[in-house]
Amino acid sequence: MAEDMIQKVVSTLRANPALTGLITTAAVGVAWTVNDFLEWKSFGTGGTPPTWAGYWKITKLRVNALLRGDDLLDTSVLSRSGPGYLVNLPRRSGSRPKLMPRILPQRQVPEQMLSTASRTQLHGLVTSIAASRPDLFEVKPSHTEGKTTEGLYARKDVETLNPIARDPVLDHEIAHSHPAEDSLHVWLSDRDAIDVIEKGWGQRFCLPFVKSGWTMVYAPRNLEEVQVVESIVKAGASFITGTEV
């Protein structure tokens, strides 16, 4: 009985090459999707729930971004007026890092070029900056990263607070780093974001409804670049708190 059924299926497929192609394409598509989901989940999903519903959500965003043809290196959408806090930002040497294919989480392909000491310094920036001015900052789990890493936040009672800090999406968050591959997200003024992007240190965030200054900063490759990244985070801290840091 089973052999007869198999023979009938094989005969049907041989007689219908279009159907065979359709089934093969569907099987390949399912296999690719499952593999992509597992890779996305194993790498870390940021603030997106690591479920099929979360994967479907970021897949729709990914398709929409492709249809819009977003160029995240395009600075023409940012304002060149307004405050700037970066002084003499150097140009980043070499080419930009390769990014992971999924729109969220926005990450680069891991390079892991930092020494242990430099990496510790990088991921300690949030706490060290907060400790230097406890009247301005606090550290708490980053809500934009699903509370999977520590975020630097401006205190809500800071008298000089930039009103933009009350944005309901970013909600006083200034910066966080990504332990998986050492990149960061930092809330910069548009003017500083332009400087960071045009000099090769980062690119715009991938979702258009997030404030334009929310910027991906590439992973530093040595101690000198960690120090540059620190200046970028401090520029964001100055912008949001309205106080030079």
C-alpha atoms as a PDB file:
ATOM      1  CA  MET A   1       0.000   0.000   0.000  1.00  0.00           C
ATOM      2  CA  ALA A   2       2.707   2.483   0.978  1.00  0.00           C
ATOM      3  CA  GLU A   3       4.849   1.560  -2.038  1.00  0.00           C
ATOM      4  CA  ASP A   4       1.864   2.042  -4.345  1.00  0.00           C
ATOM      5  CA  MET A   5       1.231   5.460  -2.834  1.00  0.00           C
ATOM      6  CA  ILE A   6       4.873   6.472  -3.314  1.00  0.00           C
ATOM      7  CA  GLN A   7       4.801   5.282  -6.921  1.00  0.00           C
ATOM      8  CA  LYS A   8       1.670   7.329  -7.585  1.00  0.00           C
ATOM      9  CA  VAL A   9       3.297  10.451  -6.101  1.00  0.00           C
ATOM     10  CA  VAL A  10       6.474   9.923  -8.147  1.00  0.00           C
ATOM     11  CA  SER A  11       4.458   9.352 -11.322  1.00  0.00           C
ATOM     12  CA  THR A  12       2.427  12.484 -10.685  1.00  0.00           C
ATOM     13  CA  LEU A  13       5.549  14.578 -10.164  1.00  0.00           C
ATOM     14  CA  ARG A  14       7.202  13.183 -13.287  1.00  0.00           C
ATOM     15  CA  ALA A  15       4.121  13.995 -15.302  1.00  0.00           C
ATOM     16  CA  ASN A  16       3.906  17.531 -13.880  1.00  0.00           C
ATOM     17  CA  PRO A  17       7.330  19.252 -13.961  1.00  0.00           C
ATOM     18  CA  ALA A  18       5.738  22.573 -13.014  1.00  0.00           C
ATOM     19  CA  LEU A  19       4.314  21.027  -9.852  1.00  0.00           C
ATOM     20  CA  THR A  20       7.679  19.424  -9.115  1.00  0.00           C
ATOM     21  CA  GLY A  21       9.387  22.796  -9.442  1.00  0.00           C
ATOM     22  CA  LEU A  22       6.811  24.437  -7.206  1.00  0.00           C
ATOM     23  CA  ILE A  23       7.227  21.837  -4.473  1.00  0.00           C
ATOM     24  CA  THR A  24      11.020  22.014  -4.694  1.00  0.00           C
ATOM     25  CA  THR A  25      10.951  25.803  -4.461  1.00  0.00           C
ATOM     26  CA  ALA A  26       8.626  25.650  -1.461  1.00  0.00           C
ATOM     27  CA  ALA A  27      10.861  23.113   0.291  1.00  0.00           C
ATOM     28  CA  VAL A  28      13.964  25.240  -0.298  1.00  0.00           C
ATOM     29  CA  GLY A  29      12.100  28.333   0.913  1.00  0.00           C
ATOM     30  CA  VAL A  30      10.988  26.626   4.109  1.00  0.00           C
ATOM     31  CA  ALA A  31      14.504  25.316   4.782  1.00  0.00           C
ATOM     32  CA  TRP A  32      16.030  28.771   4.204  1.00  0.00           C
ATOM     33  CA  THR A  33      13.468  30.446   6.460  1.00  0.00           C
ATOM     34  CA  VAL A  34      14.015  27.981   9.306  1.00  0.00           C
ATOM     35  CA  ASN A  35      17.789  28.385   9.029  1.00  0.00           C
ATOM     36  CA  ASP A  36      17.503  32.196   8.928  1.00  0.00           C
ATOM     37  CA  PHE A  37      15.239  32.162  11.982  1.00  0.00           C
ATOM     38  CA  LEU A  38      17.645  29.953  13.943  1.00  0.00           C
ATOM     39  CA  GLU A  39      20.645  32.131  13.022  1.00  0.00           C
ATOM     40  CA  TRP A  40      18.739  35.293  13.995  1.00  0.00           C
ATOM     41  CA  LYS A  41      17.726  33.757  17.307  1.00  0.00           C
ATOM     42  CA  SER A  42      21.197  32.395  18.160  1.00  0.00           C
ATOM     43  CA  PHE A  43      22.964  35.701  17.420  1.00  0.00           C
ATOM     44  CA  GLY A  44      20.642  37.683  19.673  1.00  0.00           C
ATOM     45  CA  THR A  45      17.496  39.535  18.693  1.00  0.00           C
ATOM     46  CA  GLY A  46      17.943  42.831  20.510  1.00  0.00           C
ATOM     47  CA  GLY A  47      14.601  44.179  21.625  1.00  0.00           C
ATOM     48  CA  THR A  48      12.557  41.832  19.418  1.00  0.00           C
ATOM     49  CA  PRO A  49      11.026  38.730  21.056  1.00  0.00           C
ATOM     50  CA  PRO A  50      12.965  35.630  19.868  1.00  0.00           C
ATOM     51  CA  THR A  51       9.824  33.967  18.521  1.00  0.00           C
ATOM     52  CA  TRP A  52       8.323  33.262  15.117  1.00  0.00           C
ATOM     53  CA  ALA A  53       6.036  36.265  15.662  1.00  0.00           C
ATOM     54  CA  GLY A  54       9.098  38.423  16.333  1.00  0.00           C
ATOM     55  CA  TYR A  55      10.844  37.014  13.271  1.00  0.00           C
ATOM     56  CA  TRP A  56       7.797  37.735  11.097  1.00  0.00           C
ATOM     57  CA  LYS A  57       7.759  41.314  12.424  1.00  0.00           C
ATOM     58  CA  ILE A  58      11.402  41.980  11.515  1.00  0.00           C
ATOM     59  CA  THR A  59      10.949  40.216   8.165  1.00  0.00           C
ATOM     60  CA  LYS A  60       8.171  42.648   7.229  1.00  0.00           C
ATOM     61  CA  LEU A  61      10.386  45.565   8.266  1.00  0.00           C
ATOM     62  CA  ARG A  62      13.217  44.066   6.222  1.00  0.00           C
ATOM     63  CA  VAL A  63      11.046  43.820   3.110  1.00  0.00           C
ATOM     64  CA  ASN A  64       9.708  47.355   3.586  1.00  0.00           C
ATOM     65  CA  ALA A  65      13.263  48.695   3.900  1.00  0.00           C
ATOM     66  CA  LEU A  66      14.241  46.964   0.661  1.00  0.00           C
ATOM     67  CA  LEU A  67      11.206  48.431  -1.101  1.00  0.00           C
ATOM     68  CA  ARG A  68      12.043  51.918   0.182  1.00  0.00           C
ATOM     69  CA  GLY A  69      15.625  51.521  -0.979  1.00  0.00           C
ATOM     70  CA  ASP A  70      16.999  53.006   2.241  1.00  0.00           C
ATOM     71  CA  ASP A  71      20.582  54.244   2.080  1.00  0.00           C
ATOM     72  CA  LEU A  72      21.669  54.471   5.703  1.00  0.00           C
ATOM     73  CA  LEU A  73      24.810  56.359   4.701  1.00  0.00           C
ATOM     74  CA  ASP A  74      22.758  59.175   3.154  1.00  0.00           C
ATOM     75  CA  THR A  75      23.114  62.256   5.364  1.00  0.00           C
ATOM     76  CA  SER A  76      20.870  64.503   3.263  1.00  0.00           C
ATOM     77  CA  VAL A  77      17.916  63.603   5.501  1.00  0.00           C
ATOM     78  CA  LEU A  78      19.740  65.059   8.531  1.00  0.00           C
ATOM     79  CA  SER A  79      19.870  68.731   9.463  1.00  0.00           C
ATOM     80  CA  ARG A  80      23.259  70.451   9.271  1.00  0.00           C
ATOM     81  CA  SER A  81      22.073  73.235  11.565  1.00  0.00           C
ATOM     82  CA  GLY A  82      21.744  72.955  15.320  1.00  0.00           C
ATOM     83  CA  PRO A  83      24.256  72.046  18.001  1.00  0.00           C
ATOM     84  CA  GLY A  84      27.353  69.921  17.560  1.00  0.00           C
ATOM     85  CA  TYR A  85      29.586  68.548  20.289  1.00  0.00           C
ATOM     86  CA  LEU A  86      32.215  66.574  18.396  1.00  0.00           C
ATOM     87  CA  VAL A  87      35.503  68.412  17.923  1.00  0.00           C
ATOM     88  CA  ASN A  88      38.014  67.330  15.282  1.00  0.00           C
ATOM     89  CA  LEU A  89      36.572  63.850  14.825  1.00  0.00           C
ATOM     90  CA  PRO A  90      39.186  61.923  12.820  1.00  0.00           C
ATOM     91  CA  ARG A  91      38.330  59.953   9.714  1.00  0.00           C
ATOM     92  CA  ARG A  92      38.040  56.221  10.353  1.00  0.00           C
ATOM     93  CA  SER A  93      40.659  54.244   8.453  1.00  0.00           C
ATOM     94  CA  GLY A  94      39.846  51.327   6.180  1.00  0.00           C
ATOM     95  CA  SER A  95      36.505  50.205   4.830  1.00  0.00           C
ATOM     96  CA  ARG A  96      33.219  50.074   6.686  1.00  0.00           C
ATOM     97  CA  PRO A  97      32.376  46.755   8.345  1.00  0.00           C
ATOM     98  CA  LYS A  98      29.986  44.317   6.723  1.00  0.00           C
ATOM     99  CA  LEU A  99      26.538  44.339   8.308  1.00  0.00           C
ATOM    100  CA  MET A 100      24.389  41.393   9.309  1.00  0.00           C
ATOM    101  CA  PRO A 101      21.633  40.812   6.728  1.00  0.00           C
ATOM    102  CA  ARG A 102      18.635  41.307   8.993  1.00  0.00           C
ATOM    103  CA  ILE A 103      17.263  44.783   9.666  1.00  0.00           C
ATOM    104  CA  LEU A 104      16.872  44.069  13.404  1.00  0.00           C
ATOM    105  CA  PRO A 105      18.896  43.858  15.439  1.00  0.00           C
ATOM    106  CA  GLN A 106      21.086  46.341  13.565  1.00  0.00           C
ATOM    107  CA  ARG A 107      24.500  44.730  13.885  1.00  0.00           C
ATOM    108  CA  GLN A 108      27.748  44.313  12.003  1.00  0.00           C
ATOM    109  CA  VAL A 109      29.447  41.011  11.280  1.00  0.00           C
ATOM    110  CA  PRO A 110      31.609  40.313  14.371  1.00  0.00           C
ATOM    111  CA  GLU A 111      35.315  41.034  13.940  1.00  0.00           C
ATOM    112  CA  GLN A 112      36.437  40.770  17.584  1.00  0.00           C
ATOM    113  CA  MET A 113      39.627  42.767  17.056  1.00  0.00           C
ATOM    114  CA  LEU A 114      39.831  44.315  20.528  1.00  0.00           C
ATOM    115  CA  SER A 115      42.087  43.144  23.331  1.00  0.00           C
ATOM    116  CA  THR A 116      40.360  42.039  26.513  1.00  0.00           C
ATOM    117  CA  ALA A 117      41.345  45.276  28.275  1.00  0.00           C
ATOM    118  CA  SER A 118      40.091  47.500  25.444  1.00  0.00           C
ATOM    119  CA  ARG A 119      36.845  45.564  25.199  1.00  0.00           C
ATOM    120  CA  THR A 120      36.303  45.923  28.931  1.00  0.00           C
ATOM    121  CA  GLN A 121      36.854  49.667  28.600  1.00  0.00           C
ATOM    122  CA  LEU A 122      34.405  49.867  25.693  1.00  0.00           C
ATOM    123  CA  HIS A 123      31.576  48.085  27.460  1.00  0.00           C
ATOM    124  CA  GLY A 124      32.293  50.029  30.631  1.00  0.00           C
ATOM    125  CA  LEU A 125      31.693  53.398  28.957  1.00  0.00           C
ATOM    126  CA  VAL A 126      28.041  53.504  29.982  1.00  0.00           C
ATOM    127  CA  THR A 127      28.808  52.988  33.666  1.00  0.00           C
ATOM    128  CA  SER A 128      31.941  55.158  33.747  1.00  0.00           C
ATOM    129  CA  ILE A 129      30.207  58.148  32.126  1.00  0.00           C
ATOM    130  CA  ALA A 130      27.236  57.756  34.459  1.00  0.00           C
ATOM    131  CA  ALA A 131      29.530  57.547  37.484  1.00  0.00           C
ATOM    132  CA  SER A 132      31.317  60.746  36.457  1.00  0.00           C
ATOM    133  CA  ARG A 133      28.073  62.764  36.612  1.00  0.00           C
ATOM    134  CA  PRO A 134      25.457  60.993  38.729  1.00  0.00           C
ATOM    135  CA  ASP A 135      23.475  64.231  38.759  1.00  0.00           C
ATOM    136  CA  LEU A 136      22.961  63.893  34.992  1.00  0.00           C
ATOM    137  CA  PHE A 137      22.908  60.168  34.265  1.00  0.00           C
ATOM    138  CA  GLU A 138      21.671  56.813  35.416  1.00  0.00           C
ATOM    139  CA  VAL A 139      22.315  53.291  34.183  1.00  0.00           C
ATOM    140  CA  LYS A 140      19.511  50.809  33.679  1.00  0.00           C
ATOM    141  CA  PRO A 141      18.670  48.006  31.251  1.00  0.00           C
ATOM    142  CA  SER A 142      18.245  49.380  27.743  1.00  0.00           C
ATOM    143  CA  HIS A 143      14.575  49.322  26.789  1.00  0.00           C
ATOM    144  CA  THR A 144      15.473  49.698  23.098  1.00  0.00           C
ATOM    145  CA  GLU A 145      17.470  46.448  23.361  1.00  0.00           C
ATOM    146  CA  GLY A 146      14.806  44.518  25.210  1.00  0.00           C
ATOM    147  CA  LYS A 147      16.734  44.996  28.473  1.00  0.00           C
ATOM    148  CA  THR A 148      19.520  42.690  27.268  1.00  0.00           C
ATOM    149  CA  THR A 149      22.325  45.209  27.875  1.00  0.00           C
ATOM    150  CA  GLU A 150      22.934  48.252  30.069  1.00  0.00           C
ATOM    151  CA  GLY A 151      21.876  51.649  28.744  1.00  0.00           C
ATOM    152  CA  LEU A 152      23.050  55.167  29.585  1.00  0.00           C
ATOM    153  CA  TYR A 153      20.049  57.363  30.405  1.00  0.00           C
ATOM    154  CA  ALA A 154      19.593  61.042  31.155  1.00  0.00           C
ATOM    155  CA  ARG A 155      17.864  61.687  34.461  1.00  0.00           C
ATOM    156  CA  LYS A 156      14.399  63.096  33.925  1.00  0.00           C
ATOM    157  CA  ASP A 157      14.888  65.867  36.491  1.00  0.00           C
ATOM    158  CA  VAL A 158      17.965  67.433  34.831  1.00  0.00           C
ATOM    159  CA  GLU A 159      17.238  71.170  34.584  1.00  0.00           C
ATOM    160  CA  THR A 160      19.108  71.591  31.287  1.00  0.00           C
ATOM    161  CA  LEU A 161      17.525  68.492  29.721  1.00  0.00           C
ATOM    162  CA  ASN A 162      16.985  68.706  25.976  1.00  0.00           C
ATOM    163  CA  PRO A 163      13.195  68.430  25.409  1.00  0.00           C
ATOM    164  CA  ILE A 164      13.853  65.888  22.655  1.00  0.00           C
ATOM    165  CA  ALA A 165      14.866  63.425  25.397  1.00  0.00           C
ATOM    166  CA  ARG A 166      11.170  62.929  26.192  1.00  0.00           C
ATOM    167  CA  ASP A 167      10.602  61.232  22.839  1.00  0.00           C
ATOM    168  CA  PRO A 168       8.319  58.251  23.614  1.00  0.00           C
ATOM    169  CA  VAL A 169      10.400  55.783  21.591  1.00  0.00           C
ATOM    170  CA  LEU A 170      13.887  56.526  22.919  1.00  0.00           C
ATOM    171  CA  ASP A 171      12.650  57.916  26.255  1.00  0.00           C
ATOM    172  CA  HIS A 172      15.839  59.469  27.715  1.00  0.00           C
ATOM    173  CA  GLU A 173      18.164  56.693  26.522  1.00  0.00           C
ATOM    174  CA  ILE A 174      21.495  58.056  25.271  1.00  0.00           C
ATOM    175  CA  ALA A 175      23.561  55.006  24.357  1.00  0.00           C
ATOM    176  CA  HIS A 176      24.176  51.302  24.751  1.00  0.00           C
ATOM    177  CA  SER A 177      26.773  48.851  23.445  1.00  0.00           C
ATOM    178  CA  HIS A 178      26.250  45.411  21.919  1.00  0.00           C
ATOM    179  CA  PRO A 179      28.388  42.719  23.594  1.00  0.00           C
ATOM    180  CA  ALA A 180      27.973  40.277  20.691  1.00  0.00           C
ATOM    181  CA  GLU A 181      30.052  42.365  18.261  1.00  0.00           C
ATOM    182  CA  ASP A 182      31.048  45.592  20.076  1.00  0.00           C
ATOM    183  CA  SER A 183      29.034  48.118  18.055  1.00  0.00           C
ATOM    184  CA  LEU A 184      26.847  50.739  19.763  1.00  0.00           C
ATOM    185  CA  HIS A 185      23.782  52.888  19.294  1.00  0.00           C
ATOM    186  CA  VAL A 186      24.106  56.526  20.344  1.00  0.00           C
ATOM    187  CA  TRP A 187      21.602  59.396  20.261  1.00  0.00           C
ATOM    188  CA  LEU A 188      23.436  62.271  18.602  1.00  0.00           C
ATOM    189  CA  SER A 189      22.471  65.688  17.344  1.00  0.00           C
ATOM    190  CA  ASP A 190      21.865  65.617  13.595  1.00  0.00           C
ATOM    191  CA  ARG A 191      25.015  67.654  13.065  1.00  0.00           C
ATOM    192  CA  ASP A 192      27.157  65.169  15.004  1.00  0.00           C
ATOM    193  CA  ALA A 193      25.434  62.217  13.324  1.00  0.00           C
ATOM    194  CA  ILE A 194      26.448  63.658   9.950  1.00  0.00           C
ATOM    195  CA  ASP A 195      30.050  63.940  11.137  1.00  0.00           C
ATOM    196  CA  VAL A 196      30.066  60.345  12.394  1.00  0.00           C
ATOM    197  CA  ILE A 197      28.563  58.960   9.181  1.00  0.00           C
ATOM    198  CA  GLU A 198      30.597  60.987   6.708  1.00  0.00           C
ATOM    199  CA  LYS A 199      33.872  60.164   8.476  1.00  0.00           C
ATOM    200  CA  GLY A 200      33.151  56.450   8.429  1.00  0.00           C
ATOM    201  CA  TRP A 201      32.335  55.749  12.087  1.00  0.00           C
ATOM    202  CA  GLY A 202      28.733  54.706  11.691  1.00  0.00           C
ATOM    203  CA  GLN A 203      25.418  54.951   9.882  1.00  0.00           C
ATOM    204  CA  ARG A 204      21.809  55.924  10.440  1.00  0.00           C
ATOM    205  CA  PHE A 205      19.396  53.661  12.282  1.00  0.00           C
ATOM    206  CA  CYS A 206      17.303  51.418  10.093  1.00  0.00           C
ATOM    207  CA  LEU A 207      13.773  52.417  11.180  1.00  0.00           C
ATOM    208  CA  PRO A 208      12.407  55.744   9.892  1.00  0.00           C
ATOM    209  CA  PHE A 209      10.065  56.357  12.846  1.00  0.00           C
ATOM    210  CA  VAL A 210      12.990  56.536  15.313  1.00  0.00           C
ATOM    211  CA  LYS A 211      14.567  59.967  15.867  1.00  0.00           C
ATOM    212  CA  SER A 212      17.040  60.796  13.118  1.00  0.00           C
ATOM    213  CA  GLY A 213      20.035  61.221  15.427  1.00  0.00           C
ATOM    214  CA  TRP A 214      19.837  57.641  16.727  1.00  0.00           C
ATOM    215  CA  THR A 215      23.012  56.316  15.141  1.00  0.00           C
ATOM    216  CA  MET A 216      24.764  52.979  14.839  1.00  0.00           C
ATOM    217  CA  VAL A 217      28.450  53.368  15.739  1.00  0.00           C
ATOM    218  CA  TYR A 218      30.732  50.672  14.387  1.00  0.00           C
ATOM    219  CA  ALA A 219      32.785  48.468  16.690  1.00  0.00           C
ATOM    220  CA  PRO A 220      36.191  49.979  17.467  1.00  0.00           C
ATOM    221  CA  ARG A 221      39.212  47.908  16.407  1.00  0.00           C
ATOM    222  CA  ASN A 222      41.846  49.126  18.883  1.00  0.00           C
ATOM    223  CA  LEU A 223      42.277  51.256  22.000  1.00  0.00           C
ATOM    224  CA  GLU A 224      42.611  54.488  20.020  1.00  0.00           C
ATOM    225  CA  GLU A 225      39.253  53.816  18.366  1.00  0.00           C
ATOM    226  CA  VAL A 226      37.686  53.030  21.745  1.00  0.00           C
ATOM    227  CA  GLN A 227      38.713  56.538  22.779  1.00  0.00           C
ATOM    228  CA  VAL A 228      37.100  57.987  19.648  1.00  0.00           C
ATOM    229  CA  VAL A 229      33.920  56.059  20.403  1.00  0.00           C
ATOM    230  CA  GLU A 230      34.002  57.448  23.945  1.00  0.00           C
ATOM    231  CA  SER A 231      34.051  60.978  22.509  1.00  0.00           C
ATOM    232  CA  ILE A 232      31.029  60.080  20.356  1.00  0.00           C
ATOM    233  CA  VAL A 233      29.081  58.763  23.349  1.00  0.00           C
ATOM    234  CA  LYS A 234      29.973  61.889  25.343  1.00  0.00           C
ATOM    235  CA  ALA A 235      28.758  64.040  22.445  1.00  0.00           C
ATOM    236  CA  GLY A 236      25.425  62.237  22.634  1.00  0.00           C
ATOM    237  CA  ALA A 237      25.344  62.678  26.400  1.00  0.00           C
ATOM    238  CA  SER A 238      25.964  66.417  26.019  1.00  0.00           C
ATOM    239  CA  PHE A 239      23.239  66.723  23.383  1.00  0.00           C
ATOM    240  CA  ILE A 240      20.564  64.997  25.437  1.00  0.00           C
ATOM    241  CA  THR A 241      21.377  66.552  28.824  1.00  0.00           C
ATOM    242  CA  GLY A 242      22.103  70.032  27.483  1.00  0.00           C
ATOM    243  CA  THR A 243      25.300  70.031  29.540  1.00  0.00           C
ATOM    244  CA  GLU A 244      28.840  69.646  28.232  1.00  0.00           C
ATOM    245  CA  VAL A 245      30.209  66.295  29.377  1.00  0.00           C
END
